[in-house]
Amino acid sequence: MYTDIPFRVESQQSQVADRVMALTAVVQPILVGLLYSIKKDVIEYYGGYEKIPLKMLSRAYRRGDGDCGICFEYAVHDAIMNTQNPSVLERFEDALKLCGICGNTDPSSILFGLEKSGSLQIIDTAKEILTDNSLLLHGTKGAPVKLKKHIDNIALAFNKQQLRQAIPSSISGIWRADLIAGFADTDRWVGTTIKTNRSQLKSDKGLRIGIVPASPGSNDSIREDSRTGLIICPLPYDGDFVEIFYEGFEIVQQLIQADAKMPEPVNLPNIEKRQVAKWLVERRDFPVLDIVIALIPLAQPFLLNTIEQDIQSFLYRSGKPKVGGILVPQPREI
């Protein structure tokens, strides 16, 4: 575990005002998410996560069907735990209330697994957030489960099927969760699944909330789905979180397809997106993680209040009300 790598703690200061700067802000977590989704042995060939330049990312990365979903999971976690996006937090808090969970701080989120064909998992340090009294509410008859004592088996069960049998039957499907979210002050948590395609939402024991993009013309209220039993939490689309995310994802994908050079106008015709791509292309010879930090002054002024911290001071912060970290995230071997 890399405990000496600096990262940024960010809190949202104002609403989106300039689209170029908003897009610049959102491509940062997308780049980090794609970087850490690449298999560890490939990254080691290029010298490690801290050294791989953007031009090499375009060659080491192999596009997969689940890539957009991987980045969306990270972006949702980032919006809850790090940038504290108001439109996302408000809806997610309402979903938690329908699960019977309330708190006096902003919600906290444990990112469980951004997986890609056995690649290194991106996992926030759950054991520093949870306590011995942390309870997972599963929404069925029976007592809530003490979460911390099962956290290792839950984290490993995605890739090790035999460990799923060690998970209590009342939450036997919790290993499918993308996030475990709740309030640190009241120490109550629920399993959360995230899908970019609403039709792919599946219920399982231990899962309570399903996060999806809002769909034009559909019922986007936060409600319980009678078919799955999940509390459906659609995130705002038009001119808001989901739209900015997809546009940022488009920029990064087109840039990778162009070998970290400027995409052809037909591939990226929008002038605002081309400006963000231009800033990235100018830095193609630099490490991805350095570029992420270098883009901070180009993101919307006062959209995010950025504080440099070291990993240890963040991990052992007590309570963490209204504080998160857009980590240049820490890979954790499990």
C-alpha atoms as a PDB file:
ATOM      1  CA  MET A   1       0.000   0.000   0.000  1.00  0.00           C
ATOM      2  CA  TYR A   2       1.472   3.328  -1.019  1.00  0.00           C
ATOM      3  CA  THR A   3       1.117   5.511   2.046  1.00  0.00           C
ATOM      4  CA  ASP A   4       3.497   8.288   1.019  1.00  0.00           C
ATOM      5  CA  ILE A   5       1.747   9.406  -2.164  1.00  0.00           C
ATOM      6  CA  PRO A   6       0.062  12.828  -1.799  1.00  0.00           C
ATOM      7  CA  PHE A   7      -3.527  13.313  -2.803  1.00  0.00           C
ATOM      8  CA  ARG A   8      -6.092  16.058  -2.927  1.00  0.00           C
ATOM      9  CA  VAL A   9      -9.028  16.728  -0.627  1.00  0.00           C
ATOM     10  CA  GLU A  10     -11.701  18.651  -2.511  1.00  0.00           C
ATOM     11  CA  SER A  11     -15.014  20.207  -1.534  1.00  0.00           C
ATOM     12  CA  GLN A  12     -17.439  21.861  -3.922  1.00  0.00           C
ATOM     13  CA  GLN A  13     -17.591  25.624  -3.554  1.00  0.00           C
ATOM     14  CA  SER A  14     -19.963  26.683  -6.329  1.00  0.00           C
ATOM     15  CA  GLN A  15     -22.173  25.431  -9.121  1.00  0.00           C
ATOM     16  CA  VAL A  16     -20.911  24.677 -12.623  1.00  0.00           C
ATOM     17  CA  ALA A  17     -20.466  27.956 -14.477  1.00  0.00           C
ATOM     18  CA  ASP A  18     -18.103  27.273 -17.376  1.00  0.00           C
ATOM     19  CA  ARG A  19     -18.462  24.071 -19.400  1.00  0.00           C
ATOM     20  CA  VAL A  20     -14.796  23.849 -20.440  1.00  0.00           C
ATOM     21  CA  MET A  21     -13.657  24.122 -16.862  1.00  0.00           C
ATOM     22  CA  ALA A  22     -16.339  21.687 -15.664  1.00  0.00           C
ATOM     23  CA  LEU A  23     -15.232  19.153 -18.284  1.00  0.00           C
ATOM     24  CA  THR A  24     -11.624  19.668 -17.232  1.00  0.00           C
ATOM     25  CA  ALA A  25     -12.579  18.816 -13.659  1.00  0.00           C
ATOM     26  CA  VAL A  26     -14.451  15.640 -14.590  1.00  0.00           C
ATOM     27  CA  VAL A  27     -11.779  14.153 -16.879  1.00  0.00           C
ATOM     28  CA  GLN A  28      -9.423  13.949 -13.909  1.00  0.00           C
ATOM     29  CA  PRO A  29     -11.221  11.109 -12.045  1.00  0.00           C
ATOM     30  CA  ILE A  30     -11.982   9.416 -15.385  1.00  0.00           C
ATOM     31  CA  LEU A  31      -8.277   9.327 -16.268  1.00  0.00           C
ATOM     32  CA  VAL A  32      -7.416   7.988 -12.819  1.00  0.00           C
ATOM     33  CA  GLY A  33     -10.166   5.368 -13.021  1.00  0.00           C
ATOM     34  CA  LEU A  34      -8.946   4.070 -16.377  1.00  0.00           C
ATOM     35  CA  LEU A  35      -5.332   4.081 -15.220  1.00  0.00           C
ATOM     36  CA  TYR A  36      -6.072   1.951 -12.172  1.00  0.00           C
ATOM     37  CA  SER A  37      -8.274  -0.419 -14.156  1.00  0.00           C
ATOM     38  CA  ILE A  38      -5.275  -1.621 -16.175  1.00  0.00           C
ATOM     39  CA  LYS A  39      -3.755  -4.918 -15.094  1.00  0.00           C
ATOM     40  CA  LYS A  40      -0.927  -4.578 -12.621  1.00  0.00           C
ATOM     41  CA  ASP A  41       1.593  -6.546 -14.691  1.00  0.00           C
ATOM     42  CA  VAL A  42       1.030  -4.209 -17.637  1.00  0.00           C
ATOM     43  CA  ILE A  43       1.512  -1.159 -15.432  1.00  0.00           C
ATOM     44  CA  GLU A  44       4.710  -2.625 -13.984  1.00  0.00           C
ATOM     45  CA  TYR A  45       6.062  -3.077 -17.517  1.00  0.00           C
ATOM     46  CA  TYR A  46       5.794   0.685 -17.977  1.00  0.00           C
ATOM     47  CA  GLY A  47       7.382   1.429 -14.595  1.00  0.00           C
ATOM     48  CA  GLY A  48       4.404   1.789 -12.264  1.00  0.00           C
ATOM     49  CA  TYR A  49       1.289   3.901 -11.829  1.00  0.00           C
ATOM     50  CA  GLU A  50       3.268   7.021 -10.998  1.00  0.00           C
ATOM     51  CA  LYS A  51       5.409   6.870 -14.148  1.00  0.00           C
ATOM     52  CA  ILE A  52       3.149   5.860 -17.026  1.00  0.00           C
ATOM     53  CA  PRO A  53       2.705   8.850 -19.371  1.00  0.00           C
ATOM     54  CA  LEU A  54      -0.517   9.673 -21.136  1.00  0.00           C
ATOM     55  CA  LYS A  55       0.879   8.536 -24.492  1.00  0.00           C
ATOM     56  CA  MET A  56       1.591   5.102 -22.969  1.00  0.00           C
ATOM     57  CA  LEU A  57      -1.841   4.917 -21.341  1.00  0.00           C
ATOM     58  CA  SER A  58      -3.319   4.944 -24.824  1.00  0.00           C
ATOM     59  CA  ARG A  59      -1.281   1.833 -25.639  1.00  0.00           C
ATOM     60  CA  ALA A  60      -1.514  -0.038 -22.319  1.00  0.00           C
ATOM     61  CA  TYR A  61      -5.268   0.443 -22.040  1.00  0.00           C
ATOM     62  CA  ARG A  62      -7.540  -2.062 -23.766  1.00  0.00           C
ATOM     63  CA  ARG A  63     -11.109  -0.974 -24.263  1.00  0.00           C
ATOM     64  CA  GLY A  64     -13.796  -3.200 -22.763  1.00  0.00           C
ATOM     65  CA  ASP A  65     -17.577  -3.235 -22.622  1.00  0.00           C
ATOM     66  CA  GLY A  66     -17.582  -2.340 -18.933  1.00  0.00           C
ATOM     67  CA  ASP A  67     -15.230   0.637 -19.074  1.00  0.00           C
ATOM     68  CA  CYS A  68     -17.951   3.282 -18.973  1.00  0.00           C
ATOM     69  CA  GLY A  69     -19.517   1.520 -16.017  1.00  0.00           C
ATOM     70  CA  ILE A  70     -16.162   1.362 -14.220  1.00  0.00           C
ATOM     71  CA  CYS A  71     -15.664   5.095 -14.613  1.00  0.00           C
ATOM     72  CA  PHE A  72     -19.271   5.822 -13.641  1.00  0.00           C
ATOM     73  CA  GLU A  73     -18.841   3.856 -10.393  1.00  0.00           C
ATOM     74  CA  TYR A  74     -15.739   5.858  -9.570  1.00  0.00           C
ATOM     75  CA  ALA A  75     -17.412   9.145 -10.527  1.00  0.00           C
ATOM     76  CA  VAL A  76     -20.422   8.444  -8.297  1.00  0.00           C
ATOM     77  CA  HIS A  77     -18.176   7.512  -5.372  1.00  0.00           C
ATOM     78  CA  ASP A  78     -16.122  10.632  -6.028  1.00  0.00           C
ATOM     79  CA  ALA A  79     -19.260  12.791  -6.096  1.00  0.00           C
ATOM     80  CA  ILE A  80     -20.417  11.404  -2.738  1.00  0.00           C
ATOM     81  CA  MET A  81     -17.172  11.128  -0.842  1.00  0.00           C
ATOM     82  CA  ASN A  82     -14.879  13.693  -2.416  1.00  0.00           C
ATOM     83  CA  THR A  83     -16.284  16.575  -4.456  1.00  0.00           C
ATOM     84  CA  GLN A  84     -19.605  16.339  -2.597  1.00  0.00           C
ATOM     85  CA  ASN A  85     -21.649  17.174  -5.675  1.00  0.00           C
ATOM     86  CA  PRO A  86     -24.837  18.792  -4.272  1.00  0.00           C
ATOM     87  CA  SER A  87     -27.244  17.290  -6.828  1.00  0.00           C
ATOM     88  CA  VAL A  88     -25.871  13.790  -6.222  1.00  0.00           C
ATOM     89  CA  LEU A  89     -25.695  14.114  -2.428  1.00  0.00           C
ATOM     90  CA  GLU A  90     -29.251  15.389  -2.112  1.00  0.00           C
ATOM     91  CA  ARG A  91     -30.743  12.494  -4.056  1.00  0.00           C
ATOM     92  CA  PHE A  92     -28.538   9.900  -2.404  1.00  0.00           C
ATOM     93  CA  GLU A  93     -29.459  11.148   1.077  1.00  0.00           C
ATOM     94  CA  ASP A  94     -33.134  10.779   0.134  1.00  0.00           C
ATOM     95  CA  ALA A  95     -32.455   7.195  -0.973  1.00  0.00           C
ATOM     96  CA  LEU A  96     -30.716   6.448   2.326  1.00  0.00           C
ATOM     97  CA  LYS A  97     -33.699   7.826   4.225  1.00  0.00           C
ATOM     98  CA  LEU A  98     -35.957   5.344   2.432  1.00  0.00           C
ATOM     99  CA  CYS A  99     -33.635   2.642   3.804  1.00  0.00           C
ATOM    100  CA  GLY A 100     -34.133   4.002   7.304  1.00  0.00           C
ATOM    101  CA  ILE A 101     -30.718   5.631   7.538  1.00  0.00           C
ATOM    102  CA  CYS A 102     -30.117   9.240   8.538  1.00  0.00           C
ATOM    103  CA  GLY A 103     -27.119  11.169   9.798  1.00  0.00           C
ATOM    104  CA  ASN A 104     -25.869  14.607  10.754  1.00  0.00           C
ATOM    105  CA  THR A 105     -22.976  14.631   8.288  1.00  0.00           C
ATOM    106  CA  ASP A 106     -22.739  14.114   4.551  1.00  0.00           C
ATOM    107  CA  PRO A 107     -22.911  10.450   3.486  1.00  0.00           C
ATOM    108  CA  SER A 108     -19.745   8.383   3.335  1.00  0.00           C
ATOM    109  CA  SER A 109     -18.943   5.834   0.648  1.00  0.00           C
ATOM    110  CA  ILE A 110     -16.669   2.806   0.544  1.00  0.00           C
ATOM    111  CA  LEU A 111     -15.669   2.009  -3.016  1.00  0.00           C
ATOM    112  CA  PHE A 112     -15.691  -1.751  -3.186  1.00  0.00           C
ATOM    113  CA  GLY A 113     -14.357  -2.779  -6.507  1.00  0.00           C
ATOM    114  CA  LEU A 114     -13.634  -1.327  -9.876  1.00  0.00           C
ATOM    115  CA  GLU A 115     -12.825  -4.623 -11.542  1.00  0.00           C
ATOM    116  CA  LYS A 116     -11.670  -5.325 -15.045  1.00  0.00           C
ATOM    117  CA  SER A 117     -10.683  -8.870 -15.939  1.00  0.00           C
ATOM    118  CA  GLY A 118      -8.837  -9.545 -12.721  1.00  0.00           C
ATOM    119  CA  SER A 119      -7.097  -6.181 -12.624  1.00  0.00           C
ATOM    120  CA  LEU A 120      -5.991  -4.528  -9.421  1.00  0.00           C
ATOM    121  CA  GLN A 121      -8.985  -3.481  -7.359  1.00  0.00           C
ATOM    122  CA  ILE A 122      -9.408   0.133  -6.403  1.00  0.00           C
ATOM    123  CA  ILE A 123     -10.604  -0.086  -2.815  1.00  0.00           C
ATOM    124  CA  ASP A 124     -10.843   2.686  -0.282  1.00  0.00           C
ATOM    125  CA  THR A 125      -9.591   1.706   3.137  1.00  0.00           C
ATOM    126  CA  ALA A 126     -12.847   0.413   4.618  1.00  0.00           C
ATOM    127  CA  LYS A 127     -11.348  -0.547   7.942  1.00  0.00           C
ATOM    128  CA  GLU A 128     -10.425   3.070   8.696  1.00  0.00           C
ATOM    129  CA  ILE A 129     -14.026   4.159   8.073  1.00  0.00           C
ATOM    130  CA  LEU A 130     -15.891   1.317   9.774  1.00  0.00           C
ATOM    131  CA  THR A 131     -16.005   0.592  13.500  1.00  0.00           C
ATOM    132  CA  ASP A 132     -16.724  -2.587  15.428  1.00  0.00           C
ATOM    133  CA  ASN A 133     -20.322  -1.349  15.755  1.00  0.00           C
ATOM    134  CA  SER A 134     -20.915  -0.583  12.086  1.00  0.00           C
ATOM    135  CA  LEU A 135     -24.182  -2.191  11.027  1.00  0.00           C
ATOM    136  CA  LEU A 136     -25.210  -3.222   7.518  1.00  0.00           C
ATOM    137  CA  LEU A 137     -28.975  -2.884   7.075  1.00  0.00           C
ATOM    138  CA  HIS A 138     -30.222  -5.482   4.621  1.00  0.00           C
ATOM    139  CA  GLY A 139     -33.929  -4.640   4.503  1.00  0.00           C
ATOM    140  CA  THR A 140     -35.247  -8.082   5.416  1.00  0.00           C
ATOM    141  CA  LYS A 141     -36.267  -9.794   8.646  1.00  0.00           C
ATOM    142  CA  GLY A 142     -33.486 -10.379  11.107  1.00  0.00           C
ATOM    143  CA  ALA A 143     -30.887  -8.307  12.914  1.00  0.00           C
ATOM    144  CA  PRO A 144     -28.509  -6.065  10.978  1.00  0.00           C
ATOM    145  CA  VAL A 145     -25.062  -7.540  10.357  1.00  0.00           C
ATOM    146  CA  LYS A 146     -21.899  -6.206  11.979  1.00  0.00           C
ATOM    147  CA  LEU A 147     -20.064  -5.182   8.845  1.00  0.00           C
ATOM    148  CA  LYS A 148     -16.426  -4.862   9.838  1.00  0.00           C
ATOM    149  CA  LYS A 149     -16.014  -8.504  10.874  1.00  0.00           C
ATOM    150  CA  HIS A 150     -17.048  -9.630   7.382  1.00  0.00           C
ATOM    151  CA  ILE A 151     -15.345  -6.944   5.317  1.00  0.00           C
ATOM    152  CA  ASP A 152     -12.372  -9.057   4.198  1.00  0.00           C
ATOM    153  CA  ASN A 153     -14.535 -11.919   2.932  1.00  0.00           C
ATOM    154  CA  ILE A 154     -16.847  -9.472   1.177  1.00  0.00           C
ATOM    155  CA  ALA A 155     -13.919  -7.784  -0.568  1.00  0.00           C
ATOM    156  CA  LEU A 156     -12.359 -11.089  -1.646  1.00  0.00           C
ATOM    157  CA  ALA A 157     -15.566 -12.848  -2.644  1.00  0.00           C
ATOM    158  CA  PHE A 158     -15.765 -11.190  -6.057  1.00  0.00           C
ATOM    159  CA  ASN A 159     -12.832 -13.241  -7.311  1.00  0.00           C
ATOM    160  CA  LYS A 160     -12.900 -16.132  -4.823  1.00  0.00           C
ATOM    161  CA  GLN A 161     -16.232 -17.886  -5.033  1.00  0.00           C
ATOM    162  CA  GLN A 162     -15.551 -20.199  -2.078  1.00  0.00           C
ATOM    163  CA  LEU A 163     -15.440 -17.205   0.282  1.00  0.00           C
ATOM    164  CA  ARG A 164     -19.035 -16.290  -0.542  1.00  0.00           C
ATOM    165  CA  GLN A 165     -20.141 -19.149   1.703  1.00  0.00           C
ATOM    166  CA  ALA A 166     -18.562 -17.378   4.682  1.00  0.00           C
ATOM    167  CA  ILE A 167     -20.817 -14.338   4.251  1.00  0.00           C
ATOM    168  CA  PRO A 168     -23.998 -14.410   6.424  1.00  0.00           C
ATOM    169  CA  SER A 169     -27.003 -15.653   4.465  1.00  0.00           C
ATOM    170  CA  SER A 170     -28.986 -12.461   5.131  1.00  0.00           C
ATOM    171  CA  ILE A 171     -26.399 -10.482   3.095  1.00  0.00           C
ATOM    172  CA  SER A 172     -25.076 -13.254   0.849  1.00  0.00           C
ATOM    173  CA  GLY A 173     -25.189 -11.038  -2.245  1.00  0.00           C
ATOM    174  CA  ILE A 174     -23.315  -8.098  -0.728  1.00  0.00           C
ATOM    175  CA  TRP A 175     -20.164  -9.052  -2.655  1.00  0.00           C
ATOM    176  CA  ARG A 176     -21.931  -7.680  -5.743  1.00  0.00           C
ATOM    177  CA  ALA A 177     -22.036  -4.188  -4.232  1.00  0.00           C
ATOM    178  CA  ASP A 178     -20.137  -1.385  -5.925  1.00  0.00           C
ATOM    179  CA  LEU A 179     -20.399   0.865  -2.891  1.00  0.00           C
ATOM    180  CA  ILE A 180     -21.215   0.401   0.741  1.00  0.00           C
ATOM    181  CA  ALA A 181     -22.604   3.743   1.788  1.00  0.00           C
ATOM    182  CA  GLY A 182     -24.135   5.369   4.821  1.00  0.00           C
ATOM    183  CA  PHE A 183     -23.382   7.854   7.570  1.00  0.00           C
ATOM    184  CA  ALA A 184     -20.215   7.594   9.638  1.00  0.00           C
ATOM    185  CA  ASP A 185     -21.745   9.389  12.624  1.00  0.00           C
ATOM    186  CA  THR A 186     -24.687   6.997  13.012  1.00  0.00           C
ATOM    187  CA  ASP A 187     -22.613   4.033  11.727  1.00  0.00           C
ATOM    188  CA  ARG A 188     -25.396   2.565   9.577  1.00  0.00           C
ATOM    189  CA  TRP A 189     -24.639   1.311   6.060  1.00  0.00           C
ATOM    190  CA  VAL A 190     -26.283  -0.247   3.018  1.00  0.00           C
ATOM    191  CA  GLY A 191     -25.030  -2.102  -0.047  1.00  0.00           C
ATOM    192  CA  THR A 192     -25.319  -0.104  -3.257  1.00  0.00           C
ATOM    193  CA  THR A 193     -25.162  -1.226  -6.874  1.00  0.00           C
ATOM    194  CA  ILE A 194     -24.411   1.184  -9.740  1.00  0.00           C
ATOM    195  CA  LYS A 195     -25.333   0.667 -13.384  1.00  0.00           C
ATOM    196  CA  THR A 196     -25.245   2.926 -16.421  1.00  0.00           C
ATOM    197  CA  ASN A 197     -28.065   0.787 -17.882  1.00  0.00           C
ATOM    198  CA  ARG A 198     -31.146   0.639 -15.654  1.00  0.00           C
ATOM    199  CA  SER A 199     -32.237  -2.686 -17.154  1.00  0.00           C
ATOM    200  CA  GLN A 200     -29.067  -4.301 -15.781  1.00  0.00           C
ATOM    201  CA  LEU A 201     -29.946  -3.583 -12.156  1.00  0.00           C
ATOM    202  CA  LYS A 202     -30.245  -6.825 -10.222  1.00  0.00           C
ATOM    203  CA  SER A 203     -31.283  -7.383  -6.634  1.00  0.00           C
ATOM    204  CA  ASP A 204     -29.521  -9.697  -4.224  1.00  0.00           C
ATOM    205  CA  LYS A 205     -29.397 -10.219  -0.479  1.00  0.00           C
ATOM    206  CA  GLY A 206     -27.624  -7.284   1.107  1.00  0.00           C
ATOM    207  CA  LEU A 207     -28.192  -4.812  -1.743  1.00  0.00           C
ATOM    208  CA  ARG A 208     -30.571  -1.947  -0.949  1.00  0.00           C
ATOM    209  CA  ILE A 209     -29.917   0.962  -3.344  1.00  0.00           C
ATOM    210  CA  GLY A 210     -29.549   0.988  -7.118  1.00  0.00           C
ATOM    211  CA  ILE A 211     -27.964   4.096  -8.654  1.00  0.00           C
ATOM    212  CA  VAL A 212     -28.628   4.777 -12.344  1.00  0.00           C
ATOM    213  CA  PRO A 213     -28.592   7.752 -14.719  1.00  0.00           C
ATOM    214  CA  ALA A 214     -31.917   9.515 -15.061  1.00  0.00           C
ATOM    215  CA  SER A 215     -33.776   8.725 -18.291  1.00  0.00           C
ATOM    216  CA  PRO A 216     -35.689  11.349 -20.285  1.00  0.00           C
ATOM    217  CA  GLY A 217     -39.420  10.715 -20.185  1.00  0.00           C
ATOM    218  CA  SER A 218     -39.285   8.116 -17.417  1.00  0.00           C
ATOM    219  CA  ASN A 219     -40.220   8.227 -13.755  1.00  0.00           C
ATOM    220  CA  ASP A 220     -37.081   9.539 -12.101  1.00  0.00           C
ATOM    221  CA  SER A 221     -38.411   9.796  -8.573  1.00  0.00           C
ATOM    222  CA  ILE A 222     -36.512   8.013  -5.823  1.00  0.00           C
ATOM    223  CA  ARG A 223     -38.648   4.993  -5.033  1.00  0.00           C
ATOM    224  CA  GLU A 224     -38.667   1.309  -4.214  1.00  0.00           C
ATOM    225  CA  ASP A 225     -38.800  -0.957  -7.243  1.00  0.00           C
ATOM    226  CA  SER A 226     -41.479  -3.596  -6.658  1.00  0.00           C
ATOM    227  CA  ARG A 227     -39.695  -5.984  -9.018  1.00  0.00           C
ATOM    228  CA  THR A 228     -36.199  -5.894  -7.481  1.00  0.00           C
ATOM    229  CA  GLY A 229     -36.890  -4.499  -4.019  1.00  0.00           C
ATOM    230  CA  LEU A 230     -34.122  -1.948  -4.582  1.00  0.00           C
ATOM    231  CA  ILE A 231     -34.451   1.735  -3.777  1.00  0.00           C
ATOM    232  CA  ILE A 232     -33.898   3.261  -7.214  1.00  0.00           C
ATOM    233  CA  CYS A 233     -31.867   6.480  -7.141  1.00  0.00           C
ATOM    234  CA  PRO A 234     -31.680   8.134 -10.586  1.00  0.00           C
ATOM    235  CA  LEU A 235     -28.997  10.807 -10.889  1.00  0.00           C
ATOM    236  CA  PRO A 236     -29.724  14.079 -12.726  1.00  0.00           C
ATOM    237  CA  TYR A 237     -28.896  14.128 -16.428  1.00  0.00           C
ATOM    238  CA  ASP A 238     -29.669  17.223 -18.521  1.00  0.00           C
ATOM    239  CA  GLY A 239     -26.990  19.831 -17.920  1.00  0.00           C
ATOM    240  CA  ASP A 240     -25.986  18.103 -14.713  1.00  0.00           C
ATOM    241  CA  PHE A 241     -23.864  15.306 -13.257  1.00  0.00           C
ATOM    242  CA  VAL A 242     -24.523  12.490 -15.723  1.00  0.00           C
ATOM    243  CA  GLU A 243     -24.279  14.644 -18.849  1.00  0.00           C
ATOM    244  CA  ILE A 244     -20.950  16.122 -17.762  1.00  0.00           C
ATOM    245  CA  PHE A 245     -19.672  12.637 -16.915  1.00  0.00           C
ATOM    246  CA  TYR A 246     -20.534  11.204 -20.350  1.00  0.00           C
ATOM    247  CA  GLU A 247     -18.964  14.175 -22.134  1.00  0.00           C
ATOM    248  CA  GLY A 248     -15.799  13.793 -20.085  1.00  0.00           C
ATOM    249  CA  PHE A 249     -15.735  10.063 -20.835  1.00  0.00           C
ATOM    250  CA  GLU A 250     -16.098  10.829 -24.545  1.00  0.00           C
ATOM    251  CA  ILE A 251     -13.109  13.175 -24.457  1.00  0.00           C
ATOM    252  CA  VAL A 252     -10.873  10.595 -22.796  1.00  0.00           C
ATOM    253  CA  GLN A 253     -11.981   7.742 -25.076  1.00  0.00           C
ATOM    254  CA  GLN A 254     -11.469   9.753 -28.257  1.00  0.00           C
ATOM    255  CA  LEU A 255      -8.058  10.878 -27.020  1.00  0.00           C
ATOM    256  CA  ILE A 256      -7.008   7.292 -26.296  1.00  0.00           C
ATOM    257  CA  GLN A 257      -8.199   6.139 -29.711  1.00  0.00           C
ATOM    258  CA  ALA A 258      -6.094   8.914 -31.273  1.00  0.00           C
ATOM    259  CA  ASP A 259      -2.948   7.688 -29.454  1.00  0.00           C
ATOM    260  CA  ALA A 260      -3.059  10.703 -27.115  1.00  0.00           C
ATOM    261  CA  LYS A 261      -2.919  13.036 -30.119  1.00  0.00           C
ATOM    262  CA  MET A 262      -5.569  15.507 -31.166  1.00  0.00           C
ATOM    263  CA  PRO A 263      -8.651  13.642 -32.454  1.00  0.00           C
ATOM    264  CA  GLU A 264      -9.981  14.493 -35.900  1.00  0.00           C
ATOM    265  CA  PRO A 265     -12.767  17.098 -35.900  1.00  0.00           C
ATOM    266  CA  VAL A 266     -15.326  14.483 -36.907  1.00  0.00           C
ATOM    267  CA  ASN A 267     -14.436  12.478 -33.783  1.00  0.00           C
ATOM    268  CA  LEU A 268     -14.600  15.421 -31.433  1.00  0.00           C
ATOM    269  CA  PRO A 269     -16.399  18.316 -33.130  1.00  0.00           C
ATOM    270  CA  ASN A 270     -17.475  20.245 -30.054  1.00  0.00           C
ATOM    271  CA  ILE A 271     -15.204  23.227 -29.454  1.00  0.00           C
ATOM    272  CA  GLU A 272     -15.430  22.982 -25.656  1.00  0.00           C
ATOM    273  CA  LYS A 273     -14.432  19.307 -25.681  1.00  0.00           C
ATOM    274  CA  ARG A 274     -11.613  20.012 -28.136  1.00  0.00           C
ATOM    275  CA  GLN A 275     -10.192  22.632 -25.803  1.00  0.00           C
ATOM    276  CA  VAL A 276     -10.003  20.118 -22.958  1.00  0.00           C
ATOM    277  CA  ALA A 277      -8.496  17.523 -25.313  1.00  0.00           C
ATOM    278  CA  LYS A 278      -5.916  20.100 -26.453  1.00  0.00           C
ATOM    279  CA  TRP A 279      -4.756  20.651 -22.873  1.00  0.00           C
ATOM    280  CA  LEU A 280      -4.331  16.903 -22.452  1.00  0.00           C
ATOM    281  CA  VAL A 281      -2.499  16.429 -25.767  1.00  0.00           C
ATOM    282  CA  GLU A 282      -0.025  19.168 -24.827  1.00  0.00           C
ATOM    283  CA  ARG A 283       0.883  17.026 -21.798  1.00  0.00           C
ATOM    284  CA  ARG A 284       0.949  13.605 -23.475  1.00  0.00           C
ATOM    285  CA  ASP A 285       4.620  13.018 -22.563  1.00  0.00           C
ATOM    286  CA  PHE A 286       3.986  13.513 -18.852  1.00  0.00           C
ATOM    287  CA  PRO A 287       2.767  10.901 -16.335  1.00  0.00           C
ATOM    288  CA  VAL A 288      -1.018  10.634 -16.101  1.00  0.00           C
ATOM    289  CA  LEU A 289      -1.037  11.328 -12.361  1.00  0.00           C
ATOM    290  CA  ASP A 290       1.076  14.459 -12.858  1.00  0.00           C
ATOM    291  CA  ILE A 291      -1.336  15.636 -15.545  1.00  0.00           C
ATOM    292  CA  VAL A 292      -4.281  15.148 -13.196  1.00  0.00           C
ATOM    293  CA  ILE A 293      -2.622  17.483 -10.701  1.00  0.00           C
ATOM    294  CA  ALA A 294      -1.517  19.940 -13.401  1.00  0.00           C
ATOM    295  CA  LEU A 295      -5.105  20.361 -14.617  1.00  0.00           C
ATOM    296  CA  ILE A 296      -6.278  21.740 -11.277  1.00  0.00           C
ATOM    297  CA  PRO A 297      -5.670  25.419 -12.187  1.00  0.00           C
ATOM    298  CA  LEU A 298      -7.511  24.893 -15.495  1.00  0.00           C
ATOM    299  CA  ALA A 299     -10.644  23.532 -13.827  1.00  0.00           C
ATOM    300  CA  GLN A 300     -13.426  25.914 -12.864  1.00  0.00           C
ATOM    301  CA  PRO A 301     -12.162  28.428 -10.286  1.00  0.00           C
ATOM    302  CA  PHE A 302     -13.819  27.936  -6.915  1.00  0.00           C
ATOM    303  CA  LEU A 303     -15.732  24.850  -8.117  1.00  0.00           C
ATOM    304  CA  LEU A 304     -13.471  22.742  -5.919  1.00  0.00           C
ATOM    305  CA  ASN A 305     -11.504  23.825  -2.890  1.00  0.00           C
ATOM    306  CA  THR A 306      -8.315  21.768  -3.064  1.00  0.00           C
ATOM    307  CA  ILE A 307      -6.065  20.877  -0.147  1.00  0.00           C
ATOM    308  CA  GLU A 308      -2.899  18.820  -0.468  1.00  0.00           C
ATOM    309  CA  GLN A 309      -2.594  16.126   2.187  1.00  0.00           C
ATOM    310  CA  ASP A 310      -0.675  12.938   2.782  1.00  0.00           C
ATOM    311  CA  ILE A 311      -2.352   9.543   2.929  1.00  0.00           C
ATOM    312  CA  GLN A 312      -1.731   8.834   6.603  1.00  0.00           C
ATOM    313  CA  SER A 313      -3.280  12.081   7.834  1.00  0.00           C
ATOM    314  CA  PHE A 314      -6.397  11.359   5.779  1.00  0.00           C
ATOM    315  CA  LEU A 315      -6.830   7.696   6.686  1.00  0.00           C
ATOM    316  CA  TYR A 316      -6.784   8.299  10.393  1.00  0.00           C
ATOM    317  CA  ARG A 317      -8.917  11.440  10.426  1.00  0.00           C
ATOM    318  CA  SER A 318     -11.656  10.867  12.989  1.00  0.00           C
ATOM    319  CA  GLY A 319     -15.228  11.161  11.804  1.00  0.00           C
ATOM    320  CA  LYS A 320     -14.458  12.952   8.503  1.00  0.00           C
ATOM    321  CA  PRO A 321     -17.651  15.035   8.413  1.00  0.00           C
ATOM    322  CA  LYS A 322     -17.850  16.934   5.127  1.00  0.00           C
ATOM    323  CA  VAL A 323     -14.343  15.860   4.109  1.00  0.00           C
ATOM    324  CA  GLY A 324     -13.316  13.505   1.362  1.00  0.00           C
ATOM    325  CA  GLY A 325     -10.356  12.966  -0.915  1.00  0.00           C
ATOM    326  CA  ILE A 326     -10.209  12.610  -4.643  1.00  0.00           C
ATOM    327  CA  LEU A 327      -7.372  10.264  -4.184  1.00  0.00           C
ATOM    328  CA  VAL A 328      -4.863   9.816  -6.727  1.00  0.00           C
ATOM    329  CA  PRO A 329      -6.295   6.503  -5.339  1.00  0.00           C
ATOM    330  CA  GLN A 330      -4.313   3.956  -3.438  1.00  0.00           C
ATOM    331  CA  PRO A 331      -4.173   0.440  -4.858  1.00  0.00           C
ATOM    332  CA  ARG A 332      -4.623  -2.177  -2.195  1.00  0.00           C
ATOM    333  CA  GLU A 333      -3.659  -5.813  -2.573  1.00  0.00           C
ATOM    334  CA  ILE A 334      -6.171  -8.216  -1.048  1.00  0.00           C
END
